[in-house]
C-alpha atoms as a PDB file:
ATOM      1  CA  MET A   1       0.000   0.000   0.000  1.00  0.00           C
ATOM      2  CA  PRO A   2       1.562   3.344  -1.050  1.00  0.00           C
ATOM      3  CA  VAL A   3       2.575   5.742   1.680  1.00  0.00           C
ATOM      4  CA  LEU A   4       1.594   9.359   1.220  1.00  0.00           C
ATOM      5  CA  SER A   5       4.329  11.955   1.385  1.00  0.00           C
ATOM      6  CA  SER A   6       4.279  14.682   4.004  1.00  0.00           C
ATOM      7  CA  ARG A   7       3.362  17.238   1.330  1.00  0.00           C
ATOM      8  CA  SER A   8       0.390  15.126   0.210  1.00  0.00           C
ATOM      9  CA  LEU A   9      -0.771  14.698   3.792  1.00  0.00           C
ATOM     10  CA  THR A  10      -0.489  18.440   4.366  1.00  0.00           C
ATOM     11  CA  PHE A  11      -2.543  19.148   1.238  1.00  0.00           C
ATOM     12  CA  LEU A  12      -5.206  16.621   2.197  1.00  0.00           C
ATOM     13  CA  GLY A  13      -5.388  18.040   5.704  1.00  0.00           C
ATOM     14  CA  SER A  14      -5.758  21.587   4.352  1.00  0.00           C
ATOM     15  CA  LEU A  15      -8.404  20.454   1.874  1.00  0.00           C
ATOM     16  CA  GLY A  16     -10.308  18.610   4.593  1.00  0.00           C
ATOM     17  CA  PHE A  17     -10.287  21.647   6.857  1.00  0.00           C
ATOM     18  CA  ALA A  18     -11.506  23.854   3.997  1.00  0.00           C
ATOM     19  CA  LEU A  19     -14.373  21.439   3.284  1.00  0.00           C
ATOM     20  CA  VAL A  20     -15.343  21.450   6.957  1.00  0.00           C
ATOM     21  CA  CYS A  21     -15.423  25.263   6.896  1.00  0.00           C
ATOM     22  CA  VAL A  22     -17.626  25.285   3.784  1.00  0.00           C
ATOM     23  CA  ALA A  23     -19.952  22.666   5.298  1.00  0.00           C
ATOM     24  CA  THR A  24     -20.237  24.730   8.482  1.00  0.00           C
ATOM     25  CA  TRP A  25     -20.938  27.811   6.407  1.00  0.00           C
ATOM     26  CA  GLN A  26     -23.642  25.931   4.509  1.00  0.00           C
ATOM     27  CA  ALA A  27     -25.223  24.669   7.729  1.00  0.00           C
ATOM     28  CA  ILE A  28     -25.340  28.160   9.244  1.00  0.00           C
ATOM     29  CA  SER A  29     -26.901  29.565   6.077  1.00  0.00           C
ATOM     30  CA  THR A  30     -29.435  26.735   5.753  1.00  0.00           C
ATOM     31  CA  THR A  31     -30.601  26.974   9.363  1.00  0.00           C
ATOM     32  CA  LYS A  32     -30.685  30.786   9.057  1.00  0.00           C
ATOM     33  CA  VAL A  33     -28.806  31.286  12.296  1.00  0.00           C
ATOM     34  CA  VAL A  34     -27.481  34.328  10.448  1.00  0.00           C
ATOM     35  CA  SER A  35     -29.737  36.083   7.955  1.00  0.00           C
ATOM     36  CA  PRO A  36     -28.985  35.149   4.301  1.00  0.00           C
ATOM     37  CA  ILE A  37     -28.817  38.881   3.605  1.00  0.00           C
ATOM     38  CA  TYR A  38     -25.587  39.019   5.620  1.00  0.00           C
ATOM     39  CA  LEU A  39     -24.359  35.440   5.121  1.00  0.00           C
ATOM     40  CA  PRO A  40     -25.446  33.933   1.786  1.00  0.00           C
ATOM     41  CA  ALA A  41     -25.033  30.197   1.279  1.00  0.00           C
ATOM     42  CA  PRO A  42     -21.950  28.838  -0.498  1.00  0.00           C
ATOM     43  CA  ASP A  43     -23.976  27.725  -3.523  1.00  0.00           C
ATOM     44  CA  THR A  44     -25.523  31.204  -3.847  1.00  0.00           C
ATOM     45  CA  THR A  45     -22.047  32.718  -3.604  1.00  0.00           C
ATOM     46  CA  PHE A  46     -20.805  30.325  -6.283  1.00  0.00           C
ATOM     47  CA  TYR A  47     -23.609  31.305  -8.660  1.00  0.00           C
ATOM     48  CA  ALA A  48     -22.850  34.991  -8.031  1.00  0.00           C
ATOM     49  CA  LEU A  49     -19.198  34.271  -8.746  1.00  0.00           C
ATOM     50  CA  VAL A  50     -20.011  32.607 -12.070  1.00  0.00           C
ATOM     51  CA  ASP A  51     -22.467  35.344 -13.061  1.00  0.00           C
ATOM     52  CA  GLY A  52     -19.964  38.025 -12.084  1.00  0.00           C
ATOM     53  CA  PHE A  53     -17.318  36.576 -14.370  1.00  0.00           C
ATOM     54  CA  THR A  54     -19.606  35.718 -17.287  1.00  0.00           C
ATOM     55  CA  LYS A  55     -22.220  38.490 -17.227  1.00  0.00           C
ATOM     56  CA  GLY A  56     -21.078  41.114 -14.740  1.00  0.00           C
ATOM     57  CA  ALA A  57     -18.062  43.295 -14.086  1.00  0.00           C
ATOM     58  CA  LEU A  58     -16.254  40.952 -11.707  1.00  0.00           C
ATOM     59  CA  LEU A  59     -13.702  39.879 -14.307  1.00  0.00           C
ATOM     60  CA  SER A  60     -12.659  43.431 -15.189  1.00  0.00           C
ATOM     61  CA  ALA A  61     -12.600  44.377 -11.493  1.00  0.00           C
ATOM     62  CA  THR A  62     -10.339  41.403 -10.781  1.00  0.00           C
ATOM     63  CA  LEU A  63      -7.956  42.309 -13.596  1.00  0.00           C
ATOM     64  CA  TYR A  64      -7.736  45.926 -12.422  1.00  0.00           C
ATOM     65  CA  THR A  65      -6.862  44.828  -8.885  1.00  0.00           C
ATOM     66  CA  ILE A  66      -4.307  42.249 -10.024  1.00  0.00           C
ATOM     67  CA  ALA A  67      -2.618  44.819 -12.270  1.00  0.00           C
ATOM     68  CA  ARG A  68      -2.356  47.362  -9.438  1.00  0.00           C
ATOM     69  CA  MET A  69      -1.144  44.719  -7.015  1.00  0.00           C
ATOM     70  CA  LEU A  70       1.604  43.501  -9.368  1.00  0.00           C
ATOM     71  CA  VAL A  71       2.812  46.959 -10.408  1.00  0.00           C
ATOM     72  CA  GLY A  72       2.909  48.174  -6.807  1.00  0.00           C
ATOM     73  CA  TRP A  73       4.606  44.952  -5.727  1.00  0.00           C
ATOM     74  CA  MET A  74       7.304  45.244  -8.399  1.00  0.00           C
ATOM     75  CA  LEU A  75       7.957  48.877  -7.460  1.00  0.00           C
ATOM     76  CA  ALA A  76       8.249  47.857  -3.808  1.00  0.00           C
ATOM     77  CA  CYS A  77      10.618  44.989  -4.637  1.00  0.00           C
ATOM     78  CA  VAL A  78      12.934  47.123  -6.762  1.00  0.00           C
ATOM     79  CA  ALA A  79      13.001  49.996  -4.271  1.00  0.00           C
ATOM     80  CA  GLY A  80      13.223  47.688  -1.243  1.00  0.00           C
ATOM     81  CA  ILE A  81      16.131  45.651  -2.573  1.00  0.00           C
ATOM     82  CA  ALA A  82      18.014  48.756  -3.716  1.00  0.00           C
ATOM     83  CA  LEU A  83      17.514  50.665  -0.446  1.00  0.00           C
ATOM     84  CA  GLY A  84      18.085  47.587   1.695  1.00  0.00           C
ATOM     85  CA  ALA A  85      21.352  46.784  -0.054  1.00  0.00           C
ATOM     86  CA  LEU A  86      22.506  50.407   0.121  1.00  0.00           C
ATOM     87  CA  ILE A  87      21.736  50.832   3.829  1.00  0.00           C
ATOM     88  CA  GLY A  88      22.795  47.318   4.798  1.00  0.00           C
ATOM     89  CA  SER A  89      26.217  47.679   3.179  1.00  0.00           C
ATOM     90  CA  SER A  90      26.939  51.035   4.856  1.00  0.00           C
ATOM     91  CA  ALA A  91      27.466  51.207   8.611  1.00  0.00           C
ATOM     92  CA  PRO A  92      27.129  55.030   8.734  1.00  0.00           C
ATOM     93  CA  ALA A  93      23.823  54.826   6.820  1.00  0.00           C
ATOM     94  CA  ARG A  94      22.475  52.302   9.328  1.00  0.00           C
ATOM     95  CA  VAL A  95      23.497  54.542  12.237  1.00  0.00           C
ATOM     96  CA  TYR A  96      21.997  57.736  10.845  1.00  0.00           C
ATOM     97  CA  LEU A  97      18.842  56.227   9.344  1.00  0.00           C
ATOM     98  CA  SER A  98      17.904  53.654  11.987  1.00  0.00           C
ATOM     99  CA  LEU A  99      15.838  56.103  14.080  1.00  0.00           C
ATOM    100  CA  THR A 100      13.956  57.402  11.035  1.00  0.00           C
ATOM    101  CA  LEU A 101      13.261  53.900   9.724  1.00  0.00           C
ATOM    102  CA  GLU A 102      12.026  52.656  13.066  1.00  0.00           C
ATOM    103  CA  THR A 103       9.744  55.686  13.326  1.00  0.00           C
ATOM    104  CA  LEU A 104       8.230  55.308   9.861  1.00  0.00           C
ATOM    105  CA  ARG A 105       7.993  51.506   9.750  1.00  0.00           C
ATOM    106  CA  PRO A 106       5.067  51.057  12.210  1.00  0.00           C
ATOM    107  CA  LEU A 107       2.882  53.679  10.491  1.00  0.00           C
ATOM    108  CA  PRO A 108      -0.084  51.941   8.805  1.00  0.00           C
ATOM    109  CA  THR A 109      -0.060  52.860   5.124  1.00  0.00           C
ATOM    110  CA  SER A 110      -3.835  52.552   4.888  1.00  0.00           C
ATOM    111  CA  ALA A 111      -4.086  55.436   7.362  1.00  0.00           C
ATOM    112  CA  LEU A 112      -1.703  57.490   5.216  1.00  0.00           C
ATOM    113  CA  ILE A 113      -3.710  57.049   2.016  1.00  0.00           C
ATOM    114  CA  PRO A 114      -5.747  60.239   2.725  1.00  0.00           C
ATOM    115  CA  VAL A 115      -2.419  62.098   2.916  1.00  0.00           C
ATOM    116  CA  PHE A 116      -1.436  60.671  -0.482  1.00  0.00           C
ATOM    117  CA  ILE A 117      -4.829  61.758  -1.822  1.00  0.00           C
ATOM    118  CA  ALA A 118      -4.324  65.288  -0.514  1.00  0.00           C
ATOM    119  CA  PHE A 119      -0.985  65.579  -2.331  1.00  0.00           C
ATOM    120  CA  PHE A 120      -1.617  63.580  -5.519  1.00  0.00           C
ATOM    121  CA  GLY A 121      -5.399  63.497  -5.896  1.00  0.00           C
ATOM    122  CA  LEU A 122      -7.525  60.479  -6.803  1.00  0.00           C
ATOM    123  CA  SER A 123      -5.076  59.319  -9.440  1.00  0.00           C
ATOM    124  CA  GLU A 124      -3.789  55.910 -10.445  1.00  0.00           C
ATOM    125  CA  GLY A 125      -0.283  56.989  -9.515  1.00  0.00           C
ATOM    126  CA  MET A 126      -1.431  57.791  -6.001  1.00  0.00           C
ATOM    127  CA  VAL A 127      -2.784  54.258  -5.505  1.00  0.00           C
ATOM    128  CA  LEU A 128       0.357  52.665  -6.931  1.00  0.00           C
ATOM    129  CA  GLY A 129       2.564  54.901  -4.808  1.00  0.00           C
ATOM    130  CA  ALA A 130       0.652  53.997  -1.657  1.00  0.00           C
ATOM    131  CA  ILE A 131       0.966  50.304  -2.476  1.00  0.00           C
ATOM    132  CA  ALA A 132       4.710  50.608  -3.095  1.00  0.00           C
ATOM    133  CA  VAL A 133       5.344  52.603   0.095  1.00  0.00           C
ATOM    134  CA  GLY A 134       3.342  50.183   2.209  1.00  0.00           C
ATOM    135  CA  ALA A 135       4.821  47.016   0.718  1.00  0.00           C
ATOM    136  CA  VAL A 136       8.436  48.163   0.619  1.00  0.00           C
ATOM    137  CA  TRP A 137       9.175  47.623   4.313  1.00  0.00           C
ATOM    138  CA  PRO A 138       9.331  43.814   4.558  1.00  0.00           C
ATOM    139  CA  ILE A 139      11.637  43.400   1.591  1.00  0.00           C
ATOM    140  CA  MET A 140      13.812  46.394   2.480  1.00  0.00           C
ATOM    141  CA  LEU A 141      14.334  45.191   6.057  1.00  0.00           C
ATOM    142  CA  SER A 142      14.959  41.604   4.934  1.00  0.00           C
ATOM    143  CA  THR A 143      17.518  42.785   2.385  1.00  0.00           C
ATOM    144  CA  MET A 144      19.229  44.932   5.030  1.00  0.00           C
ATOM    145  CA  ASN A 145      19.380  41.998   7.417  1.00  0.00           C
ATOM    146  CA  GLY A 146      20.671  39.638   4.743  1.00  0.00           C
ATOM    147  CA  VAL A 147      23.398  42.044   3.661  1.00  0.00           C
ATOM    148  CA  THR A 148      24.551  42.851   7.202  1.00  0.00           C
ATOM    149  CA  THR A 149      24.731  39.202   8.282  1.00  0.00           C
ATOM    150  CA  VAL A 150      27.060  38.008   5.521  1.00  0.00           C
ATOM    151  CA  GLU A 151      29.637  35.517   6.771  1.00  0.00           C
ATOM    152  CA  PRO A 152      32.802  37.367   7.927  1.00  0.00           C
ATOM    153  CA  LEU A 153      34.897  34.932   5.878  1.00  0.00           C
ATOM    154  CA  LEU A 154      33.129  36.058   2.703  1.00  0.00           C
ATOM    155  CA  LYS A 155      33.841  39.672   3.639  1.00  0.00           C
ATOM    156  CA  ASP A 156      37.517  38.784   3.999  1.00  0.00           C
ATOM    157  CA  VAL A 157      37.470  37.107   0.589  1.00  0.00           C
ATOM    158  CA  ALA A 158      35.887  40.200  -0.961  1.00  0.00           C
ATOM    159  CA  ALA A 159      38.530  42.399   0.674  1.00  0.00           C
ATOM    160  CA  SER A 160      41.347  40.176  -0.566  1.00  0.00           C
ATOM    161  CA  LEU A 161      39.933  40.356  -4.091  1.00  0.00           C
ATOM    162  CA  GLN A 162      39.662  44.149  -3.728  1.00  0.00           C
ATOM    163  CA  MET A 163      35.979  44.163  -4.597  1.00  0.00           C
ATOM    164  CA  SER A 164      34.158  47.448  -4.574  1.00  0.00           C
ATOM    165  CA  ARG A 165      31.109  47.839  -2.355  1.00  0.00           C
ATOM    166  CA  MET A 166      28.761  47.401  -5.319  1.00  0.00           C
ATOM    167  CA  GLU A 167      30.588  44.255  -6.468  1.00  0.00           C
ATOM    168  CA  PHE A 168      30.418  42.837  -2.952  1.00  0.00           C
ATOM    169  CA  VAL A 169      26.686  43.524  -2.742  1.00  0.00           C
ATOM    170  CA  ARG A 170      25.940  42.182  -6.217  1.00  0.00           C
ATOM    171  CA  LYS A 171      28.139  39.088  -6.183  1.00  0.00           C
ATOM    172  CA  ILE A 172      28.129  38.036  -2.515  1.00  0.00           C
ATOM    173  CA  ALA A 173      25.652  39.850  -0.272  1.00  0.00           C
ATOM    174  CA  LEU A 174      22.496  39.726  -2.398  1.00  0.00           C
ATOM    175  CA  PRO A 175      22.878  36.066  -3.459  1.00  0.00           C
ATOM    176  CA  GLY A 176      23.421  35.154   0.191  1.00  0.00           C
ATOM    177  CA  ALA A 177      20.371  37.143   1.246  1.00  0.00           C
ATOM    178  CA  MET A 178      18.139  35.705  -1.485  1.00  0.00           C
ATOM    179  CA  PRO A 179      16.197  33.289   0.801  1.00  0.00           C
ATOM    180  CA  GLU A 180      15.202  36.177   3.069  1.00  0.00           C
ATOM    181  CA  ILE A 181      14.420  38.428   0.104  1.00  0.00           C
ATOM    182  CA  LEU A 182      12.135  35.890  -1.552  1.00  0.00           C
ATOM    183  CA  ALA A 183      10.333  35.152   1.715  1.00  0.00           C
ATOM    184  CA  ALA A 184       9.757  38.896   2.146  1.00  0.00           C
ATOM    185  CA  ALA A 185       8.569  39.173  -1.472  1.00  0.00           C
ATOM    186  CA  ARG A 186       5.737  36.777  -0.650  1.00  0.00           C
ATOM    187  CA  LEU A 187       4.695  38.963   2.275  1.00  0.00           C
ATOM    188  CA  CYS A 188       4.993  42.075   0.089  1.00  0.00           C
ATOM    189  CA  LEU A 189       2.564  40.569  -2.406  1.00  0.00           C
ATOM    190  CA  THR A 190      -0.040  40.106   0.329  1.00  0.00           C
ATOM    191  CA  VAL A 191       0.449  43.678   1.540  1.00  0.00           C
ATOM    192  CA  SER A 192       0.176  44.923  -2.051  1.00  0.00           C
ATOM    193  CA  LEU A 193      -3.150  43.136  -2.507  1.00  0.00           C
ATOM    194  CA  VAL A 194      -4.564  44.581   0.712  1.00  0.00           C
ATOM    195  CA  LEU A 195      -3.465  48.116  -0.144  1.00  0.00           C
ATOM    196  CA  ALA A 196      -4.773  47.827  -3.707  1.00  0.00           C
ATOM    197  CA  VAL A 197      -8.231  46.971  -2.346  1.00  0.00           C
ATOM    198  CA  VAL A 198      -8.126  49.721   0.292  1.00  0.00           C
ATOM    199  CA  GLY A 199      -6.959  52.256  -2.295  1.00  0.00           C
ATOM    200  CA  GLU A 200      -9.795  51.307  -4.637  1.00  0.00           C
ATOM    201  CA  MET A 201     -12.322  51.671  -1.839  1.00  0.00           C
ATOM    202  CA  LEU A 202     -11.095  55.121  -0.824  1.00  0.00           C
ATOM    203  CA  THR A 203     -10.566  56.552  -4.306  1.00  0.00           C
ATOM    204  CA  GLY A 204     -13.431  54.956  -6.201  1.00  0.00           C
ATOM    205  CA  ARG A 205     -11.097  53.379  -8.781  1.00  0.00           C
ATOM    206  CA  SER A 206     -12.437  50.322 -10.604  1.00  0.00           C
ATOM    207  CA  GLY A 207     -11.398  47.064  -8.967  1.00  0.00           C
ATOM    208  CA  LEU A 208     -12.362  44.519  -6.363  1.00  0.00           C
ATOM    209  CA  GLY A 209     -12.282  47.154  -3.639  1.00  0.00           C
ATOM    210  CA  GLN A 210     -14.975  49.135  -5.410  1.00  0.00           C
ATOM    211  CA  TRP A 211     -16.868  45.894  -6.151  1.00  0.00           C
ATOM    212  CA  LEU A 212     -16.897  44.962  -2.461  1.00  0.00           C
ATOM    213  CA  LEU A 213     -17.882  48.452  -1.363  1.00  0.00           C
ATOM    214  CA  MET A 214     -20.799  48.718  -3.791  1.00  0.00           C
ATOM    215  CA  SER A 215     -21.974  45.180  -2.977  1.00  0.00           C
ATOM    216  CA  ALA A 216     -22.022  46.017   0.738  1.00  0.00           C
ATOM    217  CA  ARG A 217     -23.896  49.279   0.183  1.00  0.00           C
ATOM    218  CA  ASN A 218     -26.513  47.504  -1.959  1.00  0.00           C
ATOM    219  CA  PHE A 219     -26.823  44.575   0.491  1.00  0.00           C
ATOM    220  CA  ALA A 220     -25.783  42.229  -2.340  1.00  0.00           C
ATOM    221  CA  GLY A 221     -24.407  39.538  -0.048  1.00  0.00           C
ATOM    222  CA  PRO A 222     -23.649  36.928  -2.746  1.00  0.00           C
ATOM    223  CA  ASN A 223     -21.664  39.464  -4.794  1.00  0.00           C
ATOM    224  CA  LEU A 224     -19.828  40.615  -1.672  1.00  0.00           C
ATOM    225  CA  PHE A 225     -18.767  37.098  -0.738  1.00  0.00           C
ATOM    226  CA  ALA A 226     -17.916  36.321  -4.363  1.00  0.00           C
ATOM    227  CA  GLY A 227     -15.447  39.220  -4.287  1.00  0.00           C
ATOM    228  CA  VAL A 228     -13.988  37.959  -1.013  1.00  0.00           C
ATOM    229  CA  VAL A 229     -13.519  34.494  -2.543  1.00  0.00           C
ATOM    230  CA  VAL A 230     -11.724  36.023  -5.542  1.00  0.00           C
ATOM    231  CA  LEU A 231      -9.399  37.961  -3.236  1.00  0.00           C
ATOM    232  CA  GLY A 232      -8.576  34.768  -1.361  1.00  0.00           C
ATOM    233  CA  LEU A 233      -7.817  32.958  -4.615  1.00  0.00           C
ATOM    234  CA  ILE A 234      -5.587  35.800  -5.812  1.00  0.00           C
ATOM    235  CA  GLY A 235      -3.617  35.701  -2.575  1.00  0.00           C
ATOM    236  CA  TYR A 236      -3.332  31.912  -2.668  1.00  0.00           C
ATOM    237  CA  LEU A 237      -2.237  31.716  -6.310  1.00  0.00           C
ATOM    238  CA  GLY A 238       0.220  34.580  -5.787  1.00  0.00           C
ATOM    239  CA  SER A 239       1.787  32.782  -2.854  1.00  0.00           C
ATOM    240  CA  LEU A 240       2.064  29.566  -4.868  1.00  0.00           C
ATOM    241  CA  SER A 241       3.708  31.430  -7.742  1.00  0.00           C
ATOM    242  CA  ILE A 242       6.362  33.029  -5.548  1.00  0.00           C
ATOM    243  CA  ALA A 243       6.958  29.705  -3.779  1.00  0.00           C
ATOM    244  CA  ALA A 244       7.578  28.078  -7.173  1.00  0.00           C
ATOM    245  CA  ILE A 245      10.000  30.867  -8.137  1.00  0.00           C
ATOM    246  CA  GLU A 246      11.697  30.483  -4.765  1.00  0.00           C
ATOM    247  CA  ARG A 247      12.194  26.735  -5.200  1.00  0.00           C
ATOM    248  CA  ASN A 248      13.511  27.222  -8.729  1.00  0.00           C
ATOM    249  CA  MET A 249      15.975  29.965  -7.778  1.00  0.00           C
ATOM    250  CA  LEU A 250      17.250  28.324  -4.601  1.00  0.00           C
ATOM    251  CA  LYS A 251      17.326  24.681  -5.626  1.00  0.00           C
ATOM    252  CA  ASP A 252      21.003  24.850  -6.548  1.00  0.00           C
ATOM    253  CA  GLY A 253      21.728  26.060  -3.043  1.00  0.00           C
ATOM    254  CA  GLY A 254      19.806  23.211  -1.477  1.00  0.00           C
ATOM    255  CA  VAL A 255      16.818  25.260  -0.274  1.00  0.00           C
ATOM    256  CA  HIS A 256      13.526  23.829  -1.534  1.00  0.00           C
ATOM    257  CA  GLU A 257      10.893  25.085   0.844  1.00  0.00           C
ATOM    258  CA  THR A 258      10.388  27.988   3.191  1.00  0.00           C
END
């Protein structure tokens, strides 16, 4: 009798738990413990999901949100890696900027979106800028940590080869920090999705945020939950994609899973 691998068992356990959650949801909706206006049944949500993609505006809203999420995420990754490598490779920069970074890092970006609106208006660039600023922190801090914790022996090798700071960062520090950077990139993608939805809600831009807001205002419970399901699927598929990239990039170094 074949023995299931640990990955297969994990998947089956996750699938079983998800089915239990859906069954519980169905039972609550069927018994009307919670009004169907606020908690539509899973089958009703599924029909709304299908109708939204085939007849409604859910498909275009999804594409708008995904595009904003990816553009903001890429901006955050580029800026975060560049700033993290620059600060992490310079001791004076870490000393002078540490207080400022620790002051700015805890500020919730969603609370700063009205400030972005005041300066840049209800523009697409404002939403993308807010996403990038909010998502940059995990990858910037992970890059800084990876660069500053390079093995001392590798630093000695770089010194003996008379490498410049940029060569050291590009050839030694960043490759060594890649596991931390890729793990942070997965977190950045989640933050980018959240901020894309919040930005759409606050600015009225087309997307899943606007879809959710209008569904809630119109008491269209099935459409509301259909949008929530789509957001969950986007987050899940995004995480799987980055995990696949991570395994492919790190397999030569012996790292297969986070």
